[in-house]
Amino acid sequence: MKDLQLNLQEIPSLSQRQDSITDQLLDLKCVAQRLGMYDAADFIQRHLESCIPQPHQFVPRARSVCCGRCSKPKSHPIHQL
């Protein structure tokens, strides 16, 4: 764990991205897999699958609470991070 933290400190910070949260989470999933954080990568994948509506599925805007496409309540685990 300490080796990972030391290695992460050596990576330079990047500027803020302007792409969608979905694209950022997909990239974060790849980073998690690369770092051996498979449970976290699986969690991100499951969240993305549950948040992205199927074609012609209506998700009311008022209930969107995390990625703009999610109808999960605030008690959903992604909101506890």
PDB file of N, CA and C in Angstrom:
ATOM      1  N   MET A   1       0.827  -1.197   0.000  1.00  0.00           N
ATOM      2  CA  MET A   1       0.000   0.000   0.000  1.00  0.00           C
ATOM      3  C   MET A   1       0.864   1.251   0.000  1.00  0.00           C
ATOM      4  N   LYS A   2       1.926   1.256   0.829  1.00  0.00           N
ATOM      5  CA  LYS A   2       2.797   2.427   0.871  1.00  0.00           C
ATOM      6  C   LYS A   2       3.531   2.606  -0.448  1.00  0.00           C
ATOM      7  N   ASP A   3       3.908   1.487  -1.101  1.00  0.00           N
ATOM      8  CA  ASP A   3       4.563   1.592  -2.399  1.00  0.00           C
ATOM      9  C   ASP A   3       3.642   2.255  -3.414  1.00  0.00           C
ATOM     10  N   LEU A   4       2.384   1.886  -3.387  1.00  0.00           N
ATOM     11  CA  LEU A   4       1.417   2.488  -4.302  1.00  0.00           C
ATOM     12  C   LEU A   4       1.302   3.982  -4.045  1.00  0.00           C
ATOM     13  N   GLN A   5       1.190   4.372  -2.795  1.00  0.00           N
ATOM     14  CA  GLN A   5       1.066   5.789  -2.461  1.00  0.00           C
ATOM     15  C   GLN A   5       2.299   6.572  -2.907  1.00  0.00           C
ATOM     16  N   LEU A   6       3.473   5.996  -2.721  1.00  0.00           N
ATOM     17  CA  LEU A   6       4.696   6.663  -3.160  1.00  0.00           C
ATOM     18  C   LEU A   6       4.730   6.798  -4.678  1.00  0.00           C
ATOM     19  N   ASN A   7       4.343   5.742  -5.367  1.00  0.00           N
ATOM     20  CA  ASN A   7       4.311   5.797  -6.830  1.00  0.00           C
ATOM     21  C   ASN A   7       3.305   6.815  -7.335  1.00  0.00           C
ATOM     22  N   LEU A   8       2.163   6.894  -6.685  1.00  0.00           N
ATOM     23  CA  LEU A   8       1.136   7.852  -7.108  1.00  0.00           C
ATOM     24  C   LEU A   8       1.614   9.287  -6.906  1.00  0.00           C
ATOM     25  N   GLN A   9       2.408   9.521  -5.871  1.00  0.00           N
ATOM     26  CA  GLN A   9       2.924  10.865  -5.635  1.00  0.00           C
ATOM     27  C   GLN A   9       3.869  11.310  -6.737  1.00  0.00           C
ATOM     28  N   GLU A  10       4.481  10.371  -7.431  1.00  0.00           N
ATOM     29  CA  GLU A  10       5.415  10.705  -8.501  1.00  0.00           C
ATOM     30  C   GLU A  10       4.707  11.079  -9.807  1.00  0.00           C
ATOM     31  N   ILE A  11       3.430  10.763  -9.912  1.00  0.00           N
ATOM     32  CA  ILE A  11       2.668  11.111 -11.118  1.00  0.00           C
ATOM     33  C   ILE A  11       2.291  12.581 -11.043  1.00  0.00           C
ATOM     34  N   PRO A  12       2.651  13.354 -12.057  1.00  0.00           N
ATOM     35  CA  PRO A  12       2.301  14.788 -12.015  1.00  0.00           C
ATOM     36  C   PRO A  12       0.793  14.994 -12.115  1.00  0.00           C
ATOM     37  N   SER A  13       0.315  16.021 -11.450  1.00  0.00           N
ATOM     38  CA  SER A  13      -1.110  16.361 -11.528  1.00  0.00           C
ATOM     39  C   SER A  13      -1.433  16.880 -12.923  1.00  0.00           C
ATOM     40  N   LEU A  14      -2.600  16.537 -13.379  1.00  0.00           N
ATOM     41  CA  LEU A  14      -3.065  16.989 -14.685  1.00  0.00           C
ATOM     42  C   LEU A  14      -4.129  18.061 -14.484  1.00  0.00           C
ATOM     43  N   SER A  15      -4.389  18.814 -15.523  1.00  0.00           N
ATOM     44  CA  SER A  15      -5.434  19.827 -15.428  1.00  0.00           C
ATOM     45  C   SER A  15      -6.805  19.155 -15.433  1.00  0.00           C
ATOM     46  N   GLN A  16      -7.799  19.902 -15.009  1.00  0.00           N
ATOM     47  CA  GLN A  16      -9.157  19.372 -14.946  1.00  0.00           C
ATOM     48  C   GLN A  16      -9.655  19.016 -16.333  1.00  0.00           C
ATOM     49  N   ARG A  17     -10.304  17.877 -16.413  1.00  0.00           N
ATOM     50  CA  ARG A  17     -10.872  17.428 -17.685  1.00  0.00           C
ATOM     51  C   ARG A  17     -12.247  18.030 -17.876  1.00  0.00           C
ATOM     52  N   GLN A  18     -12.611  18.200 -19.135  1.00  0.00           N
ATOM     53  CA  GLN A  18     -13.902  18.782 -19.466  1.00  0.00           C
ATOM     54  C   GLN A  18     -14.830  17.780 -20.146  1.00  0.00           C
ATOM     55  N   ASP A  19     -14.445  16.501 -20.152  1.00  0.00           N
ATOM     56  CA  ASP A  19     -15.322  15.503 -20.763  1.00  0.00           C
ATOM     57  C   ASP A  19     -16.350  15.026 -19.743  1.00  0.00           C
ATOM     58  N   SER A  20     -17.229  14.178 -20.168  1.00  0.00           N
ATOM     59  CA  SER A  20     -18.354  13.763 -19.325  1.00  0.00           C
ATOM     60  C   SER A  20     -17.897  12.924 -18.140  1.00  0.00           C
ATOM     61  N   ILE A  21     -18.737  12.900 -17.118  1.00  0.00           N
ATOM     62  CA  ILE A  21     -18.455  12.075 -15.942  1.00  0.00           C
ATOM     63  C   ILE A  21     -18.387  10.603 -16.327  1.00  0.00           C
ATOM     64  N   THR A  22     -19.180  10.197 -17.290  1.00  0.00           N
ATOM     65  CA  THR A  22     -19.150   8.810 -17.752  1.00  0.00           C
ATOM     66  C   THR A  22     -17.792   8.484 -18.350  1.00  0.00           C
ATOM     67  N   ASP A  23     -17.283   9.362 -19.193  1.00  0.00           N
ATOM     68  CA  ASP A  23     -15.964   9.132 -19.780  1.00  0.00           C
ATOM     69  C   ASP A  23     -14.878   9.110 -18.711  1.00  0.00           C
ATOM     70  N   GLN A  24     -14.992   9.995 -17.727  1.00  0.00           N
ATOM     71  CA  GLN A  24     -14.010  10.024 -16.651  1.00  0.00           C
ATOM     72  C   GLN A  24     -14.065   8.747 -15.815  1.00  0.00           C
ATOM     73  N   LEU A  25     -15.269   8.262 -15.536  1.00  0.00           N
ATOM     74  CA  LEU A  25     -15.401   7.026 -14.757  1.00  0.00           C
ATOM     75  C   LEU A  25     -14.886   5.819 -15.535  1.00  0.00           C
ATOM     76  N   LEU A  26     -15.099   5.801 -16.841  1.00  0.00           N
ATOM     77  CA  LEU A  26     -14.560   4.707 -17.652  1.00  0.00           C
ATOM     78  C   LEU A  26     -13.033   4.696 -17.592  1.00  0.00           C
ATOM     79  N   ASP A  27     -12.420   5.879 -17.662  1.00  0.00           N
ATOM     80  CA  ASP A  27     -10.968   5.958 -17.544  1.00  0.00           C
ATOM     81  C   ASP A  27     -10.509   5.575 -16.140  1.00  0.00           C
ATOM     82  N   LEU A  28     -11.252   6.005 -15.134  1.00  0.00           N
ATOM     83  CA  LEU A  28     -10.912   5.666 -13.754  1.00  0.00           C
ATOM     84  C   LEU A  28     -10.992   4.155 -13.530  1.00  0.00           C
ATOM     85  N   LYS A  29     -11.965   3.520 -14.172  1.00  0.00           N
ATOM     86  CA  LYS A  29     -12.074   2.061 -14.090  1.00  0.00           C
ATOM     87  C   LYS A  29     -10.814   1.411 -14.651  1.00  0.00           C
ATOM     88  N   CYS A  30     -10.308   1.911 -15.768  1.00  0.00           N
ATOM     89  CA  CYS A  30      -9.079   1.374 -16.358  1.00  0.00           C
ATOM     90  C   CYS A  30      -7.885   1.576 -15.436  1.00  0.00           C
ATOM     91  N   VAL A  31      -7.818   2.735 -14.801  1.00  0.00           N
ATOM     92  CA  VAL A  31      -6.727   3.010 -13.859  1.00  0.00           C
ATOM     93  C   VAL A  31      -6.819   2.045 -12.675  1.00  0.00           C
ATOM     94  N   ALA A  32      -8.026   1.864 -12.158  1.00  0.00           N
ATOM     95  CA  ALA A  32      -8.210   0.946 -11.031  1.00  0.00           C
ATOM     96  C   ALA A  32      -7.773  -0.471 -11.397  1.00  0.00           C
ATOM     97  N   GLN A  33      -8.117  -0.917 -12.594  1.00  0.00           N
ATOM     98  CA  GLN A  33      -7.696  -2.250 -13.032  1.00  0.00           C
ATOM     99  C   GLN A  33      -6.183  -2.335 -13.137  1.00  0.00           C
ATOM    100  N   ARG A  34      -5.578  -1.294 -13.678  1.00  0.00           N
ATOM    101  CA  ARG A  34      -4.122  -1.267 -13.855  1.00  0.00           C
ATOM    102  C   ARG A  34      -3.399  -1.320 -12.509  1.00  0.00           C
ATOM    103  N   LEU A  35      -3.999  -0.726 -11.480  1.00  0.00           N
ATOM    104  CA  LEU A  35      -3.406  -0.697 -10.146  1.00  0.00           C
ATOM    105  C   LEU A  35      -3.799  -1.895  -9.302  1.00  0.00           C
ATOM    106  N   GLY A  36      -4.528  -2.835  -9.897  1.00  0.00           N
ATOM    107  CA  GLY A  36      -4.922  -4.036  -9.169  1.00  0.00           C
ATOM    108  C   GLY A  36      -6.121  -3.846  -8.260  1.00  0.00           C
ATOM    109  N   MET A  37      -6.831  -2.758  -8.431  1.00  0.00           N
ATOM    110  CA  MET A  37      -8.010  -2.467  -7.610  1.00  0.00           C
ATOM    111  C   MET A  37      -9.247  -2.990  -8.325  1.00  0.00           C
ATOM    112  N   TYR A  38      -9.329  -4.302  -8.432  1.00  0.00           N
ATOM    113  CA  TYR A  38     -10.365  -4.934  -9.235  1.00  0.00           C
ATOM    114  C   TYR A  38     -11.760  -4.760  -8.648  1.00  0.00           C
ATOM    115  N   ASP A  39     -11.867  -4.769  -7.315  1.00  0.00           N
ATOM    116  CA  ASP A  39     -13.180  -4.564  -6.706  1.00  0.00           C
ATOM    117  C   ASP A  39     -13.692  -3.157  -6.998  1.00  0.00           C
ATOM    118  N   ALA A  40     -12.810  -2.171  -6.933  1.00  0.00           N
ATOM    119  CA  ALA A  40     -13.207  -0.793  -7.246  1.00  0.00           C
ATOM    120  C   ALA A  40     -13.588  -0.672  -8.717  1.00  0.00           C
ATOM    121  N   ALA A  41     -12.827  -1.312  -9.597  1.00  0.00           N
ATOM    122  CA  ALA A  41     -13.139  -1.278 -11.026  1.00  0.00           C
ATOM    123  C   ALA A  41     -14.502  -1.925 -11.289  1.00  0.00           C
ATOM    124  N   ASP A  42     -14.769  -3.043 -10.626  1.00  0.00           N
ATOM    125  CA  ASP A  42     -16.067  -3.709 -10.778  1.00  0.00           C
ATOM    126  C   ASP A  42     -17.204  -2.820 -10.269  1.00  0.00           C
ATOM    127  N   PHE A  43     -16.957  -2.126  -9.153  1.00  0.00           N
ATOM    128  CA  PHE A  43     -17.965  -1.231  -8.590  1.00  0.00           C
ATOM    129  C   PHE A  43     -18.297  -0.118  -9.583  1.00  0.00           C
ATOM    130  N   ILE A  44     -17.257   0.476 -10.170  1.00  0.00           N
ATOM    131  CA  ILE A  44     -17.479   1.541 -11.150  1.00  0.00           C
ATOM    132  C   ILE A  44     -18.268   1.008 -12.341  1.00  0.00           C
ATOM    133  N   GLN A  45     -17.899  -0.185 -12.799  1.00  0.00           N
ATOM    134  CA  GLN A  45     -18.597  -0.780 -13.942  1.00  0.00           C
ATOM    135  C   GLN A  45     -20.068  -1.023 -13.623  1.00  0.00           C
ATOM    136  N   ARG A  46     -20.346  -1.582 -12.448  1.00  0.00           N
ATOM    137  CA  ARG A  46     -21.740  -1.831 -12.060  1.00  0.00           C
ATOM    138  C   ARG A  46     -22.515  -0.527 -11.945  1.00  0.00           C
ATOM    139  N   HIS A  47     -21.887   0.488 -11.395  1.00  0.00           N
ATOM    140  CA  HIS A  47     -22.559   1.789 -11.265  1.00  0.00           C
ATOM    141  C   HIS A  47     -22.885   2.364 -12.640  1.00  0.00           C
ATOM    142  N   LEU A  48     -21.913   2.304 -13.531  1.00  0.00           N
ATOM    143  CA  LEU A  48     -22.156   2.831 -14.875  1.00  0.00           C
ATOM    144  C   LEU A  48     -23.281   2.070 -15.562  1.00  0.00           C
ATOM    145  N   GLU A  49     -23.295   0.761 -15.415  1.00  0.00           N
ATOM    146  CA  GLU A  49     -24.354  -0.045 -16.032  1.00  0.00           C
ATOM    147  C   GLU A  49     -25.721   0.281 -15.451  1.00  0.00           C
ATOM    148  N   SER A  50     -25.772   0.590 -14.155  1.00  0.00           N
ATOM    149  CA  SER A  50     -27.067   0.879 -13.532  1.00  0.00           C
ATOM    150  C   SER A  50     -27.521   2.307 -13.788  1.00  0.00           C
ATOM    151  N   CYS A  51     -26.599   3.188 -14.132  1.00  0.00           N
ATOM    152  CA  CYS A  51     -26.942   4.596 -14.317  1.00  0.00           C
ATOM    153  C   CYS A  51     -27.299   4.950 -15.748  1.00  0.00           C
ATOM    154  N   ILE A  52     -26.728   4.260 -16.692  1.00  0.00           N
ATOM    155  CA  ILE A  52     -26.962   4.610 -18.082  1.00  0.00           C
ATOM    156  C   ILE A  52     -28.258   3.959 -18.536  1.00  0.00           C
ATOM    157  N   PRO A  53     -29.258   4.770 -18.838  1.00  0.00           N
ATOM    158  CA  PRO A  53     -30.551   4.202 -19.232  1.00  0.00           C
ATOM    159  C   PRO A  53     -30.452   3.401 -20.523  1.00  0.00           C
ATOM    160  N   GLN A  54     -31.257   2.401 -20.604  1.00  0.00           N
ATOM    161  CA  GLN A  54     -31.371   1.651 -21.845  1.00  0.00           C
ATOM    162  C   GLN A  54     -32.083   2.535 -22.857  1.00  0.00           C
ATOM    163  N   PRO A  55     -31.957   2.245 -24.144  1.00  0.00           N
ATOM    164  CA  PRO A  55     -32.640   3.075 -25.134  1.00  0.00           C
ATOM    165  C   PRO A  55     -34.130   3.215 -24.821  1.00  0.00           C
ATOM    166  N   HIS A  56     -34.620   4.425 -24.918  1.00  0.00           N
ATOM    167  CA  HIS A  56     -36.029   4.764 -24.712  1.00  0.00           C
ATOM    168  C   HIS A  56     -36.466   4.662 -23.256  1.00  0.00           C
ATOM    169  N   GLN A  57     -35.506   4.562 -22.320  1.00  0.00           N
ATOM    170  CA  GLN A  57     -35.851   4.548 -20.897  1.00  0.00           C
ATOM    171  C   GLN A  57     -35.811   5.985 -20.386  1.00  0.00           C
ATOM    172  N   PHE A  58     -36.881   6.434 -19.768  1.00  0.00           N
ATOM    173  CA  PHE A  58     -36.961   7.804 -19.265  1.00  0.00           C
ATOM    174  C   PHE A  58     -36.485   7.845 -17.828  1.00  0.00           C
ATOM    175  N   VAL A  59     -35.535   8.727 -17.538  1.00  0.00           N
ATOM    176  CA  VAL A  59     -35.067   8.946 -16.171  1.00  0.00           C
ATOM    177  C   VAL A  59     -35.354  10.407 -15.836  1.00  0.00           C
ATOM    178  N   PRO A  60     -36.268  10.655 -14.909  1.00  0.00           N
ATOM    179  CA  PRO A  60     -36.618  12.038 -14.575  1.00  0.00           C
ATOM    180  C   PRO A  60     -35.396  12.821 -14.110  1.00  0.00           C
ATOM    181  N   ARG A  61     -35.230  14.027 -14.592  1.00  0.00           N
ATOM    182  CA  ARG A  61     -34.085  14.860 -14.256  1.00  0.00           C
ATOM    183  C   ARG A  61     -34.027  15.149 -12.758  1.00  0.00           C
ATOM    184  N   ALA A  62     -35.160  15.325 -12.111  1.00  0.00           N
ATOM    185  CA  ALA A  62     -35.186  15.664 -10.696  1.00  0.00           C
ATOM    186  C   ALA A  62     -34.587  14.565  -9.830  1.00  0.00           C
ATOM    187  N   ARG A  63     -34.611  13.321 -10.300  1.00  0.00           N
ATOM    188  CA  ARG A  63     -34.079  12.218  -9.506  1.00  0.00           C
ATOM    189  C   ARG A  63     -32.614  11.962  -9.804  1.00  0.00           C
ATOM    190  N   SER A  64     -32.051  12.629 -10.793  1.00  0.00           N
ATOM    191  CA  SER A  64     -30.653  12.426 -11.116  1.00  0.00           C
ATOM    192  C   SER A  64     -29.804  13.019 -10.006  1.00  0.00           C
ATOM    193  N   VAL A  65     -28.940  12.202  -9.434  1.00  0.00           N
ATOM    194  CA  VAL A  65     -28.187  12.676  -8.278  1.00  0.00           C
ATOM    195  C   VAL A  65     -26.685  12.505  -8.402  1.00  0.00           C
ATOM    196  N   CYS A  66     -26.181  11.762  -9.375  1.00  0.00           N
ATOM    197  CA  CYS A  66     -24.732  11.605  -9.401  1.00  0.00           C
ATOM    198  C   CYS A  66     -24.144  11.884 -10.767  1.00  0.00           C
ATOM    199  N   CYS A  67     -24.428  11.071 -11.740  1.00  0.00           N
ATOM    200  CA  CYS A  67     -23.760  11.220 -13.032  1.00  0.00           C
ATOM    201  C   CYS A  67     -24.656  11.873 -14.077  1.00  0.00           C
ATOM    202  N   GLY A  68     -25.789  12.396 -13.653  1.00  0.00           N
ATOM    203  CA  GLY A  68     -26.679  13.026 -14.603  1.00  0.00           C
ATOM    204  C   GLY A  68     -27.569  12.025 -15.308  1.00  0.00           C
ATOM    205  N   ARG A  69     -27.290  10.743 -15.137  1.00  0.00           N
ATOM    206  CA  ARG A  69     -28.095   9.701 -15.779  1.00  0.00           C
ATOM    207  C   ARG A  69     -28.616   8.703 -14.747  1.00  0.00           C
ATOM    208  N   CYS A  70     -28.348   8.980 -13.495  1.00  0.00           N
ATOM    209  CA  CYS A  70     -28.625   8.009 -12.437  1.00  0.00           C
ATOM    210  C   CYS A  70     -29.943   8.320 -11.739  1.00  0.00           C
ATOM    211  N   SER A  71     -30.699   7.283 -11.513  1.00  0.00           N
ATOM    212  CA  SER A  71     -31.942   7.454 -10.772  1.00  0.00           C
ATOM    213  C   SER A  71     -31.828   6.816  -9.388  1.00  0.00           C
ATOM    214  N   LYS A  72     -30.586   6.541  -8.985  1.00  0.00           N
ATOM    215  CA  LYS A  72     -30.367   5.928  -7.676  1.00  0.00           C
ATOM    216  C   LYS A  72     -30.553   6.974  -6.581  1.00  0.00           C
ATOM    217  N   PRO A  73     -31.127   6.591  -5.440  1.00  0.00           N
ATOM    218  CA  PRO A  73     -31.292   7.538  -4.339  1.00  0.00           C
ATOM    219  C   PRO A  73     -29.940   7.883  -3.712  1.00  0.00           C
ATOM    220  N   LYS A  74     -29.911   8.914  -2.897  1.00  0.00           N
ATOM    221  CA  LYS A  74     -28.656   9.332  -2.280  1.00  0.00           C
ATOM    222  C   LYS A  74     -28.067   8.258  -1.365  1.00  0.00           C
ATOM    223  N   SER A  75     -28.841   7.261  -0.976  1.00  0.00           N
ATOM    224  CA  SER A  75     -28.324   6.176  -0.158  1.00  0.00           C
ATOM    225  C   SER A  75     -27.527   5.170  -0.973  1.00  0.00           C
ATOM    226  N   HIS A  76     -27.533   5.305  -2.303  1.00  0.00           N
ATOM    227  CA  HIS A  76     -26.771   4.413  -3.181  1.00  0.00           C
ATOM    228  C   HIS A  76     -25.296   4.513  -2.830  1.00  0.00           C
ATOM    229  N   PRO A  77     -24.550   3.392  -2.830  1.00  0.00           N
ATOM    230  CA  PRO A  77     -23.146   3.400  -2.389  1.00  0.00           C
ATOM    231  C   PRO A  77     -22.262   4.420  -3.084  1.00  0.00           C
ATOM    232  N   ILE A  78     -22.534   4.765  -4.329  1.00  0.00           N
ATOM    233  CA  ILE A  78     -21.662   5.729  -5.018  1.00  0.00           C
ATOM    234  C   ILE A  78     -21.697   7.081  -4.346  1.00  0.00           C
ATOM    235  N   HIS A  79     -22.783   7.397  -3.663  1.00  0.00           N
ATOM    236  CA  HIS A  79     -22.914   8.689  -3.001  1.00  0.00           C
ATOM    237  C   HIS A  79     -22.284   8.699  -1.620  1.00  0.00           C
ATOM    238  N   GLN A  80     -21.804   7.549  -1.179  1.00  0.00           N
ATOM    239  CA  GLN A  80     -21.169   7.464   0.134  1.00  0.00           C
ATOM    240  C   GLN A  80     -19.662   7.619   0.036  1.00  0.00           C
ATOM    241  N   LEU A  81     -19.123   7.794  -1.167  1.00  0.00           N
ATOM    242  CA  LEU A  81     -17.664   7.920  -1.348  1.00  0.00           C
ATOM    243  C   LEU A  81     -17.164   9.239  -0.849  1.00  0.00           C
TER     244      LEU A  81
END
